[in-house]
C-alpha atoms as a PDB file:
ATOM      1  CA  MET A   1     -29.967 145.947 -92.294  1.00  0.00           C
ATOM      2  CA  LYS A   2     -31.114 145.332 -88.671  1.00  0.00           C
ATOM      3  CA  ILE A   3     -28.940 146.614 -85.659  1.00  0.00           C
ATOM      4  CA  ILE A   4     -28.958 146.289 -81.362  1.00  0.00           C
ATOM      5  CA  LEU A   5     -28.612 149.973 -80.015  1.00  0.00           C
ATOM      6  CA  SER A   6     -27.517 150.079 -76.432  1.00  0.00           C
ATOM      7  CA  GLN A   7     -29.368 152.349 -74.381  1.00  0.00           C
ATOM      8  CA  ARG A   8     -29.519 153.213 -70.523  1.00  0.00           C
ATOM      9  CA  ILE A   9     -32.924 153.228 -68.511  1.00  0.00           C
ATOM     10  CA  ASP A  10     -31.963 151.929 -65.441  1.00  0.00           C
ATOM     11  CA  ILE A  11     -28.876 154.408 -64.875  1.00  0.00           C
ATOM     12  CA  GLU A  12     -28.004 157.724 -66.325  1.00  0.00           C
ATOM     13  CA  SER A  13     -26.900 157.708 -69.732  1.00  0.00           C
ATOM     14  CA  ASP A  14     -23.614 159.474 -70.896  1.00  0.00           C
ATOM     15  CA  TYR A  15     -24.842 160.820 -73.801  1.00  0.00           C
ATOM     16  CA  ASP A  16     -28.046 162.806 -75.060  1.00  0.00           C
ATOM     17  CA  ASP A  17     -30.540 160.277 -75.153  1.00  0.00           C
ATOM     18  CA  VAL A  18     -34.183 160.692 -75.001  1.00  0.00           C
ATOM     19  CA  PRO A  19     -35.338 156.598 -75.292  1.00  0.00           C
ATOM     20  CA  PHE A  20     -38.102 156.505 -78.087  1.00  0.00           C
ATOM     21  CA  SER A  21     -37.314 159.725 -79.703  1.00  0.00           C
ATOM     22  CA  THR A  22     -33.291 160.548 -80.126  1.00  0.00           C
ATOM     23  CA  TYR A  23     -30.570 158.403 -79.907  1.00  0.00           C
ATOM     24  CA  HIS A  24     -27.096 159.679 -79.248  1.00  0.00           C
ATOM     25  CA  PHE A  25     -23.937 157.744 -80.321  1.00  0.00           C
ATOM     26  CA  PRO A  26     -20.262 158.575 -81.189  1.00  0.00           C
ATOM     27  CA  LYS A  27     -18.997 158.856 -84.479  1.00  0.00           C
ATOM     28  CA  ARG A  28     -17.269 156.065 -84.880  1.00  0.00           C
ATOM     29  CA  TYR A  29     -20.603 154.035 -85.018  1.00  0.00           C
ATOM     30  CA  ARG A  30     -21.903 156.428 -87.966  1.00  0.00           C
ATOM     31  CA  ASN A  31     -20.967 153.634 -90.731  1.00  0.00           C
ATOM     32  CA  GLN A  32     -23.222 151.249 -88.697  1.00  0.00           C
ATOM     33  CA  ILE A  33     -26.637 153.069 -88.452  1.00  0.00           C
ATOM     34  CA  HIS A  34     -28.410 154.192 -90.975  1.00  0.00           C
ATOM     35  CA  PRO A  35     -32.070 155.753 -91.834  1.00  0.00           C
ATOM     36  CA  GLY A  36     -34.761 152.668 -92.492  1.00  0.00           C
ATOM     37  CA  ASP A  37     -32.547 150.218 -90.306  1.00  0.00           C
ATOM     38  CA  ARG A  38     -34.633 148.301 -87.918  1.00  0.00           C
ATOM     39  CA  PHE A  39     -33.388 148.152 -83.811  1.00  0.00           C
ATOM     40  CA  ILE A  40     -33.988 147.158 -81.249  1.00  0.00           C
ATOM     41  CA  TYR A  41     -32.895 148.730 -77.521  1.00  0.00           C
ATOM     42  CA  TYR A  42     -30.806 146.689 -75.374  1.00  0.00           C
ATOM     43  CA  GLN A  43     -30.153 147.419 -72.068  1.00  0.00           C
ATOM     44  CA  GLY A  44     -26.831 146.773 -70.268  1.00  0.00           C
ATOM     45  CA  ASN A  45     -24.934 146.635 -67.039  1.00  0.00           C
ATOM     46  CA  ARG A  46     -21.489 144.669 -66.863  1.00  0.00           C
ATOM     47  CA  HIS A  47     -22.206 144.397 -63.280  1.00  0.00           C
ATOM     48  CA  LYS A  48     -25.750 143.426 -62.725  1.00  0.00           C
ATOM     49  CA  LYS A  49     -27.111 140.552 -64.934  1.00  0.00           C
ATOM     50  CA  GLU A  50     -30.437 141.652 -64.191  1.00  0.00           C
ATOM     51  CA  HIS A  51     -29.869 144.919 -65.737  1.00  0.00           C
ATOM     52  CA  ARG A  52     -29.124 143.308 -68.672  1.00  0.00           C
ATOM     53  CA  TYR A  53     -32.567 143.103 -71.153  1.00  0.00           C
ATOM     54  CA  TYR A  54     -34.137 143.971 -74.502  1.00  0.00           C
ATOM     55  CA  PHE A  55     -36.686 146.920 -73.941  1.00  0.00           C
ATOM     56  CA  GLY A  56     -38.141 148.106 -77.029  1.00  0.00           C
ATOM     57  CA  CYS A  57     -37.540 148.389 -80.921  1.00  0.00           C
ATOM     58  CA  GLY A  58     -38.249 150.990 -83.544  1.00  0.00           C
ATOM     59  CA  VAL A  59     -36.601 152.348 -86.669  1.00  0.00           C
ATOM     60  CA  ILE A  60     -33.918 154.634 -87.305  1.00  0.00           C
ATOM     61  CA  GLY A  61     -34.795 157.613 -89.038  1.00  0.00           C
ATOM     62  CA  ALA A  62     -32.800 160.893 -90.244  1.00  0.00           C
ATOM     63  CA  VAL A  63     -29.296 160.424 -88.825  1.00  0.00           C
ATOM     64  CA  GLU A  64     -27.369 163.697 -88.413  1.00  0.00           C
ATOM     65  CA  PRO A  65     -24.244 165.100 -86.363  1.00  0.00           C
ATOM     66  CA  ASP A  66     -24.810 167.232 -83.263  1.00  0.00           C
ATOM     67  CA  ALA A  67     -23.240 170.489 -82.455  1.00  0.00           C
ATOM     68  CA  THR A  68     -19.506 169.519 -81.556  1.00  0.00           C
ATOM     69  CA  ALA A  69     -19.533 166.947 -85.261  1.00  0.00           C
ATOM     70  CA  GLU A  70     -17.602 164.767 -82.473  1.00  0.00           C
ATOM     71  CA  ASN A  71     -21.416 162.617 -82.046  1.00  0.00           C
ATOM     72  CA  TYR A  72     -24.379 161.767 -83.893  1.00  0.00           C
ATOM     73  CA  TYR A  73     -28.352 161.507 -83.328  1.00  0.00           C
ATOM     74  CA  ALA A  74     -30.555 159.539 -85.128  1.00  0.00           C
ATOM     75  CA  GLU A  75     -34.123 160.177 -84.854  1.00  0.00           C
ATOM     76  CA  ILE A  76     -36.642 156.801 -83.763  1.00  0.00           C
ATOM     77  CA  LEU A  77     -39.819 156.161 -85.394  1.00  0.00           C
ATOM     78  CA  GLU A  78     -42.636 153.961 -84.763  1.00  0.00           C
ATOM     79  CA  GLY A  79     -40.819 153.235 -81.190  1.00  0.00           C
ATOM     80  CA  ARG A  80     -42.482 150.459 -78.778  1.00  0.00           C
ATOM     81  CA  ARG A  81     -41.564 149.830 -75.711  1.00  0.00           C
ATOM     82  CA  PHE A  82     -42.165 146.373 -74.386  1.00  0.00           C
ATOM     83  CA  SER A  83     -44.458 145.362 -71.496  1.00  0.00           C
ATOM     84  CA  LYS A  84     -41.596 143.694 -69.926  1.00  0.00           C
ATOM     85  CA  GLY A  85     -37.595 143.264 -70.477  1.00  0.00           C
ATOM     86  CA  VAL A  86     -36.657 140.335 -72.882  1.00  0.00           C
ATOM     87  CA  PRO A  87     -33.615 138.655 -71.321  1.00  0.00           C
ATOM     88  CA  ILE A  88     -30.282 137.914 -72.993  1.00  0.00           C
ATOM     89  CA  TYR A  89     -29.987 134.812 -72.371  1.00  0.00           C
ATOM     90  CA  MET A  90     -32.254 131.657 -74.143  1.00  0.00           C
ATOM     91  CA  PRO A  91     -35.220 130.859 -72.667  1.00  0.00           C
ATOM     92  CA  ASP A  92     -33.850 127.554 -72.190  1.00  0.00           C
ATOM     93  CA  GLY A  93     -30.782 129.160 -71.022  1.00  0.00           C
ATOM     94  CA  ASP A  94     -28.715 127.114 -74.040  1.00  0.00           C
ATOM     95  CA  GLY A  95     -26.410 130.470 -74.642  1.00  0.00           C
ATOM     96  CA  PHE A  96     -27.600 134.071 -76.098  1.00  0.00           C
ATOM     97  CA  ILE A  97     -30.142 134.864 -78.015  1.00  0.00           C
ATOM     98  CA  GLU A  98     -27.641 136.930 -80.203  1.00  0.00           C
ATOM     99  CA  SER A  99     -25.669 134.116 -80.883  1.00  0.00           C
ATOM    100  CA  LEU A 100     -28.278 132.715 -83.224  1.00  0.00           C
ATOM    101  CA  GLY A 101     -27.319 133.122 -86.622  1.00  0.00           C
ATOM    102  CA  TYR A 102     -24.499 134.967 -85.710  1.00  0.00           C
ATOM    103  CA  GLU A 103     -23.198 133.856 -88.988  1.00  0.00           C
ATOM    104  CA  GLU A 104     -24.716 136.617 -90.667  1.00  0.00           C
ATOM    105  CA  VAL A 105     -23.308 139.172 -89.001  1.00  0.00           C
ATOM    106  CA  ARG A 106     -20.195 138.068 -87.298  1.00  0.00           C
ATOM    107  CA  ASN A 107     -17.148 135.076 -87.228  1.00  0.00           C
ATOM    108  CA  LYS A 108     -17.683 134.533 -83.089  1.00  0.00           C
ATOM    109  CA  PRO A 109     -21.069 133.210 -81.795  1.00  0.00           C
ATOM    110  CA  ASN A 110     -20.894 135.573 -78.784  1.00  0.00           C
ATOM    111  CA  PRO A 111     -21.727 139.620 -79.689  1.00  0.00           C
ATOM    112  CA  SER A 112     -19.627 142.330 -78.613  1.00  0.00           C
ATOM    113  CA  TRP A 113     -21.662 143.762 -75.822  1.00  0.00           C
ATOM    114  CA  GLN A 114     -19.567 146.660 -75.189  1.00  0.00           C
ATOM    115  CA  ASN A 115     -20.835 148.119 -78.242  1.00  0.00           C
ATOM    116  CA  SER A 116     -22.836 151.081 -78.408  1.00  0.00           C
ATOM    117  CA  ILE A 117     -24.304 149.456 -82.114  1.00  0.00           C
ATOM    118  CA  ARG A 118     -23.964 146.018 -83.247  1.00  0.00           C
ATOM    119  CA  LYS A 119     -25.332 143.674 -85.945  1.00  0.00           C
ATOM    120  CA  VAL A 120     -27.343 141.051 -85.450  1.00  0.00           C
ATOM    121  CA  SER A 121     -28.717 138.307 -87.347  1.00  0.00           C
ATOM    122  CA  ASP A 122     -32.540 138.080 -88.405  1.00  0.00           C
ATOM    123  CA  GLU A 123     -33.230 135.026 -86.652  1.00  0.00           C
ATOM    124  CA  ALA A 124     -32.041 136.635 -83.066  1.00  0.00           C
ATOM    125  CA  PHE A 125     -33.738 139.903 -83.993  1.00  0.00           C
ATOM    126  CA  ASN A 126     -37.126 137.849 -85.038  1.00  0.00           C
ATOM    127  CA  LYS A 127     -36.225 136.201 -82.010  1.00  0.00           C
ATOM    128  CA  ILE A 128     -36.114 138.793 -79.674  1.00  0.00           C
ATOM    129  CA  LEU A 129     -38.973 140.136 -80.961  1.00  0.00           C
ATOM    130  CA  ASN A 130     -41.381 137.084 -80.218  1.00  0.00           C
ATOM    131  CA  LEU A 131     -40.038 137.110 -76.731  1.00  0.00           C
ATOM    132  CA  ALA A 132     -41.341 140.417 -76.361  1.00  0.00           C
ATOM    133  CA  GLY A 133     -44.584 139.810 -77.793  1.00  0.00           C
ATOM    134  CA  ILE A 134     -44.292 140.517 -81.587  1.00  0.00           C
ATOM    135  CA  ASN A 135     -46.306 138.634 -84.685  1.00  0.00           C
ATOM    136  CA  THR A 136     -42.878 139.081 -86.759  1.00  0.00           C
ATOM    137  CA  ASP A 137     -45.398 137.211 -89.178  1.00  0.00           C
ATOM    138  CA  THR A 138     -48.055 139.836 -89.037  1.00  0.00           C
ATOM    139  CA  GLY A 139     -46.007 142.797 -87.533  1.00  0.00           C
ATOM    140  CA  VAL A 140     -49.210 143.118 -85.009  1.00  0.00           C
ATOM    141  CA  ASP A 141     -48.319 143.929 -81.503  1.00  0.00           C
ATOM    142  CA  THR A 142     -49.636 141.136 -79.315  1.00  0.00           C
ATOM    143  CA  GLY A 143     -49.336 144.046 -75.923  1.00  0.00           C
ATOM    144  CA  ILE A 144     -45.934 145.282 -75.948  1.00  0.00           C
ATOM    145  CA  LEU A 145     -46.710 148.762 -77.347  1.00  0.00           C
ATOM    146  CA  GLU A 146     -45.813 151.879 -75.548  1.00  0.00           C
ATOM    147  CA  SER A 147     -48.183 151.139 -72.165  1.00  0.00           C
ATOM    148  CA  GLU A 148     -50.183 154.281 -71.896  1.00  0.00           C
ATOM    149  CA  SER A 149     -49.051 155.088 -68.596  1.00  0.00           C
ATOM    150  CA  ASN A 150     -45.783 155.858 -70.207  1.00  0.00           C
ATOM    151  CA  VAL A 151     -47.051 158.200 -72.143  1.00  0.00           C
ATOM    152  CA  LEU A 152     -46.799 161.139 -69.526  1.00  0.00           C
ATOM    153  CA  ASP A 153     -43.931 160.149 -68.928  1.00  0.00           C
ATOM    154  CA  VAL A 154     -41.904 159.638 -72.218  1.00  0.00           C
ATOM    155  CA  LEU A 155     -43.936 164.016 -72.941  1.00  0.00           C
ATOM    156  CA  ARG A 156     -42.459 164.853 -69.304  1.00  0.00           C
ATOM    157  CA  LEU A 157     -38.961 163.886 -70.283  1.00  0.00           C
ATOM    158  CA  LEU A 158     -39.291 165.258 -74.279  1.00  0.00           C
ATOM    159  CA  ASN A 159     -40.744 168.752 -72.821  1.00  0.00           C
ATOM    160  CA  LYS A 160     -37.698 169.051 -69.677  1.00  0.00           C
ATOM    161  CA  ARG A 161     -35.239 168.450 -72.846  1.00  0.00           C
ATOM    162  CA  TYR A 162     -36.806 170.729 -75.252  1.00  0.00           C
ATOM    163  CA  LEU A 163     -37.416 173.337 -72.701  1.00  0.00           C
ATOM    164  CA  ASP A 164     -33.711 173.544 -71.776  1.00  0.00           C
ATOM    165  CA  LEU A 165     -32.619 173.469 -75.413  1.00  0.00           C
ATOM    166  CA  GLU A 166     -30.337 176.761 -76.272  1.00  0.00           C
ATOM    167  CA  PRO A 167     -32.301 177.992 -79.980  1.00  0.00           C
ATOM    168  CA  LYS A 168     -29.053 177.761 -81.735  1.00  0.00           C
ATOM    169  CA  GLU A 169     -29.371 173.810 -81.304  1.00  0.00           C
ATOM    170  CA  ARG A 170     -32.419 173.723 -82.601  1.00  0.00           C
ATOM    171  CA  ALA A 171     -31.059 171.319 -84.984  1.00  0.00           C
ATOM    172  CA  LYS A 172     -32.621 170.465 -88.325  1.00  0.00           C
ATOM    173  CA  LYS A 173     -33.225 166.888 -86.873  1.00  0.00           C
ATOM    174  CA  ILE A 174     -35.605 167.907 -83.797  1.00  0.00           C
ATOM    175  CA  GLN A 175     -37.493 170.019 -86.723  1.00  0.00           C
ATOM    176  CA  LYS A 176     -38.288 167.097 -88.236  1.00  0.00           C
ATOM    177  CA  HIS A 177     -38.744 164.746 -85.755  1.00  0.00           C
ATOM    178  CA  LEU A 178     -41.416 166.790 -84.430  1.00  0.00           C
ATOM    179  CA  ASP A 179     -43.397 168.353 -87.527  1.00  0.00           C
ATOM    180  CA  ARG A 180     -43.224 164.642 -88.737  1.00  0.00           C
ATOM    181  CA  GLY A 181     -45.100 163.975 -85.168  1.00  0.00           C
ATOM    182  CA  ASN A 182     -43.239 161.063 -84.325  1.00  0.00           C
ATOM    183  CA  ALA A 183     -42.757 161.591 -80.348  1.00  0.00           C
ATOM    184  CA  VAL A 184     -44.948 164.397 -79.354  1.00  0.00           C
ATOM    185  CA  THR A 185     -47.771 164.202 -81.876  1.00  0.00           C
ATOM    186  CA  ASN A 186     -48.042 160.261 -81.056  1.00  0.00           C
ATOM    187  CA  ALA A 187     -48.141 160.959 -77.320  1.00  0.00           C
ATOM    188  CA  LEU A 188     -50.660 163.676 -78.003  1.00  0.00           C
ATOM    189  CA  LYS A 189     -53.408 161.461 -79.921  1.00  0.00           C
ATOM    190  CA  LYS A 190     -53.003 158.953 -77.182  1.00  0.00           C
ATOM    191  CA  ILE A 191     -53.824 161.376 -74.471  1.00  0.00           C
ATOM    192  CA  LEU A 192     -56.293 163.397 -76.569  1.00  0.00           C
ATOM    193  CA  GLY A 193     -57.468 161.413 -79.487  1.00  0.00           C
ATOM    194  CA  ALA A 194     -56.894 162.330 -83.388  1.00  0.00           C
ATOM    195  CA  LYS A 195     -59.122 165.227 -83.843  1.00  0.00           C
ATOM    196  CA  CYS A 196     -58.432 168.643 -84.769  1.00  0.00           C
ATOM    197  CA  GLN A 197     -58.229 171.039 -81.743  1.00  0.00           C
ATOM    198  CA  ILE A 198     -60.323 173.816 -84.023  1.00  0.00           C
ATOM    199  CA  CYS A 199     -63.438 172.239 -85.888  1.00  0.00           C
ATOM    200  CA  GLY A 200     -63.638 168.796 -84.240  1.00  0.00           C
ATOM    201  CA  TRP A 201     -62.598 167.057 -87.865  1.00  0.00           C
ATOM    202  CA  GLU A 202     -61.574 163.234 -86.120  1.00  0.00           C
ATOM    203  CA  GLY A 203     -58.747 161.776 -88.598  1.00  0.00           C
ATOM    204  CA  PHE A 204     -59.127 158.904 -90.491  1.00  0.00           C
ATOM    205  CA  GLU A 205     -57.424 155.646 -90.225  1.00  0.00           C
ATOM    206  CA  LYS A 206     -54.170 155.127 -92.185  1.00  0.00           C
ATOM    207  CA  ASN A 207     -53.026 152.069 -94.048  1.00  0.00           C
ATOM    208  CA  ASN A 208     -51.097 151.285 -90.760  1.00  0.00           C
ATOM    209  CA  SER A 209     -53.697 151.338 -88.540  1.00  0.00           C
ATOM    210  CA  GLU A 210     -52.460 154.538 -87.018  1.00  0.00           C
ATOM    211  CA  ASP A 211     -54.932 157.427 -86.661  1.00  0.00           C
ATOM    212  CA  PHE A 212     -54.082 160.621 -89.294  1.00  0.00           C
ATOM    213  CA  ILE A 213     -54.172 163.593 -87.611  1.00  0.00           C
ATOM    214  CA  GLU A 214     -51.362 166.800 -87.832  1.00  0.00           C
ATOM    215  CA  ALA A 215     -49.316 169.160 -85.333  1.00  0.00           C
ATOM    216  CA  HIS A 216     -48.494 172.420 -85.808  1.00  0.00           C
ATOM    217  CA  HIS A 217     -46.204 174.563 -83.435  1.00  0.00           C
ATOM    218  CA  ILE A 218     -48.285 178.155 -82.611  1.00  0.00           C
ATOM    219  CA  VAL A 219     -44.635 179.795 -82.234  1.00  0.00           C
ATOM    220  CA  GLN A 220     -42.585 178.604 -85.149  1.00  0.00           C
ATOM    221  CA  ILE A 221     -39.838 176.494 -84.800  1.00  0.00           C
ATOM    222  CA  SER A 222     -38.031 178.460 -87.021  1.00  0.00           C
ATOM    223  CA  ASP A 223     -38.288 181.628 -85.355  1.00  0.00           C
ATOM    224  CA  LYS A 224     -35.541 179.823 -82.597  1.00  0.00           C
ATOM    225  CA  VAL A 225     -37.816 180.849 -79.296  1.00  0.00           C
ATOM    226  CA  GLN A 226     -36.753 179.024 -76.298  1.00  0.00           C
ATOM    227  CA  GLY A 227     -39.735 176.579 -75.438  1.00  0.00           C
ATOM    228  CA  SER A 228     -41.321 176.318 -78.716  1.00  0.00           C
ATOM    229  CA  LEU A 229     -40.857 172.864 -78.969  1.00  0.00           C
ATOM    230  CA  CYS A 230     -42.621 172.023 -76.063  1.00  0.00           C
ATOM    231  CA  THR A 231     -46.014 170.460 -75.743  1.00  0.00           C
ATOM    232  CA  GLU A 232     -47.938 173.308 -74.766  1.00  0.00           C
ATOM    233  CA  ASN A 233     -47.001 174.872 -78.167  1.00  0.00           C
ATOM    234  CA  VAL A 234     -48.302 171.989 -80.242  1.00  0.00           C
ATOM    235  CA  ILE A 235     -51.864 171.559 -81.127  1.00  0.00           C
ATOM    236  CA  LEU A 236     -53.268 168.848 -83.103  1.00  0.00           C
ATOM    237  CA  LEU A 237     -55.037 169.908 -86.431  1.00  0.00           C
ATOM    238  CA  CYS A 238     -56.614 168.629 -89.543  1.00  0.00           C
ATOM    239  CA  PRO A 239     -54.924 169.384 -92.496  1.00  0.00           C
ATOM    240  CA  ASN A 240     -57.848 172.097 -94.055  1.00  0.00           C
ATOM    241  CA  CYS A 241     -57.126 174.027 -90.475  1.00  0.00           C
ATOM    242  CA  HIS A 242     -53.632 173.736 -90.544  1.00  0.00           C
ATOM    243  CA  ARG A 243     -53.119 175.059 -93.932  1.00  0.00           C
ATOM    244  CA  GLU A 244     -55.437 177.896 -93.203  1.00  0.00           C
ATOM    245  CA  VAL A 245     -53.518 178.469 -89.481  1.00  0.00           C
ATOM    246  CA  HIS A 246     -50.294 178.829 -92.270  1.00  0.00           C
ATOM    247  CA  TYR A 247     -51.674 180.468 -95.291  1.00  0.00           C
ATOM    248  CA  GLY A 248     -55.258 181.925 -94.421  1.00  0.00           C
ATOM    249  CA  LYS A 249     -55.524 186.020 -94.696  1.00  0.00           C
ATOM    250  CA  ASP A 250     -58.421 186.247 -91.679  1.00  0.00           C
ATOM    251  CA  PHE A 251     -56.113 183.841 -89.024  1.00  0.00           C
ATOM    252  CA  THR A 252     -55.024 185.382 -86.062  1.00  0.00           C
ATOM    253  CA  VAL A 253     -54.286 183.842 -82.692  1.00  0.00           C
ATOM    254  CA  SER A 254     -54.017 185.551 -79.215  1.00  0.00           C
ATOM    255  CA  GLU A 255     -52.299 183.907 -76.256  1.00  0.00           C
ATOM    256  CA  SER A 256     -53.618 183.821 -72.388  1.00  0.00           C
ATOM    257  CA  VAL A 257     -51.752 181.909 -69.398  1.00  0.00           C
ATOM    258  CA  ASP A 258     -54.132 178.814 -70.249  1.00  0.00           C
ATOM    259  CA  PHE A 259     -55.400 179.050 -73.393  1.00  0.00           C
ATOM    260  CA  ILE A 260     -55.052 180.096 -76.880  1.00  0.00           C
ATOM    261  CA  GLU A 261     -57.345 181.490 -79.170  1.00  0.00           C
ATOM    262  CA  VAL A 262     -57.519 180.950 -82.814  1.00  0.00           C
ATOM    263  CA  THR A 263     -59.864 182.425 -85.283  1.00  0.00           C
ATOM    264  CA  LEU A 264     -60.062 180.943 -88.663  1.00  0.00           C
ATOM    265  CA  SER A 265     -62.611 181.684 -91.354  1.00  0.00           C
ATOM    266  CA  LYS A 266     -64.806 179.162 -90.395  1.00  0.00           C
ATOM    267  CA  HIS A 267     -64.081 178.824 -86.897  1.00  0.00           C
ATOM    268  CA  LYS A 268     -63.079 180.230 -83.785  1.00  0.00           C
ATOM    269  CA  SER A 269     -61.844 178.162 -80.986  1.00  0.00           C
ATOM    270  CA  LYS A 270     -60.851 178.607 -77.803  1.00  0.00           C
ATOM    271  CA  ILE A 271     -57.920 175.868 -77.074  1.00  0.00           C
ATOM    272  CA  HIS A 272     -56.467 174.585 -74.069  1.00  0.00           C
ATOM    273  CA  LYS A 273     -52.767 174.789 -74.055  1.00  0.00           C
ATOM    274  CA  ASN A 274     -51.327 170.920 -73.857  1.00  0.00           C
ATOM    275  CA  THR A 275     -49.469 171.903 -70.663  1.00  0.00           C
ATOM    276  CA  MET A 276     -48.440 168.511 -68.281  1.00  0.00           C
ATOM    277  CA  GLU A 277     -51.309 169.628 -66.238  1.00  0.00           C
ATOM    278  CA  TYR A 278     -54.092 169.594 -68.854  1.00  0.00           C
ATOM    279  CA  LEU A 279     -53.106 166.355 -70.592  1.00  0.00           C
ATOM    280  CA  SER A 280     -52.711 164.829 -67.020  1.00  0.00           C
ATOM    281  CA  THR A 281     -56.537 165.386 -66.454  1.00  0.00           C
ATOM    282  CA  LYS A 282     -57.063 164.147 -69.815  1.00  0.00           C
ATOM    283  CA  HIS A 283     -55.113 160.682 -69.538  1.00  0.00           C
ATOM    284  CA  GLY A 284     -56.758 157.783 -68.807  1.00  0.00           C
END
């Protein structure tokens, strides 16, 4: 199913959202969003037309209740930011884009703008992506992928959110999100490259053209230590080093203020912690 997600970025959200990472929504919409759904982000504003536009897309991952059970979190996979906002109107000004093929998803031409989550027709969905610069036949971007300059902003936002996260709220949705490496790992790969920070092994290219590398948390998430979700606790590892870190008998690790020293059976490495200050020096 294809859906529209209302997401505030020009003004502060009332929910615990992290754009392109996690979507937080009321439970009344639970039956309208499912893992595997493709979505487009919509920035709405009832007072200013210039703040009404589409700005990104992705795929819904795991959907789980928050601590209150009154709202839900949806994991965002394959998040892509458009290089510029796509207006809600047809290019010729003749109606709303979401009115295209509306019979497929509702009875009235105009969408319910006030709904946080709403269905959208295939025709309208593809039209928005085409206007954003995505070839919907090949799936190849033509310049709308999350910009390099935005990577550090994403990591700063995630670090701020995860640093303040109470250990008891270290929910399964966040653990799965980071273990799969969606937001943090992809951003680190953009900055550091898909390269093992212990042995230097360079990741291979997957079928979807992404470079493969794995993420490891020095302090394990299951230990429920505050701050263990932040970038400075994450390093990029090849599969062999990653397995040895978890299961090797010769593995040792020590930390200083700025560095992590790791010893394996065949490697000894001094790795700079992936702090925002360090990542800023490596970016661009």
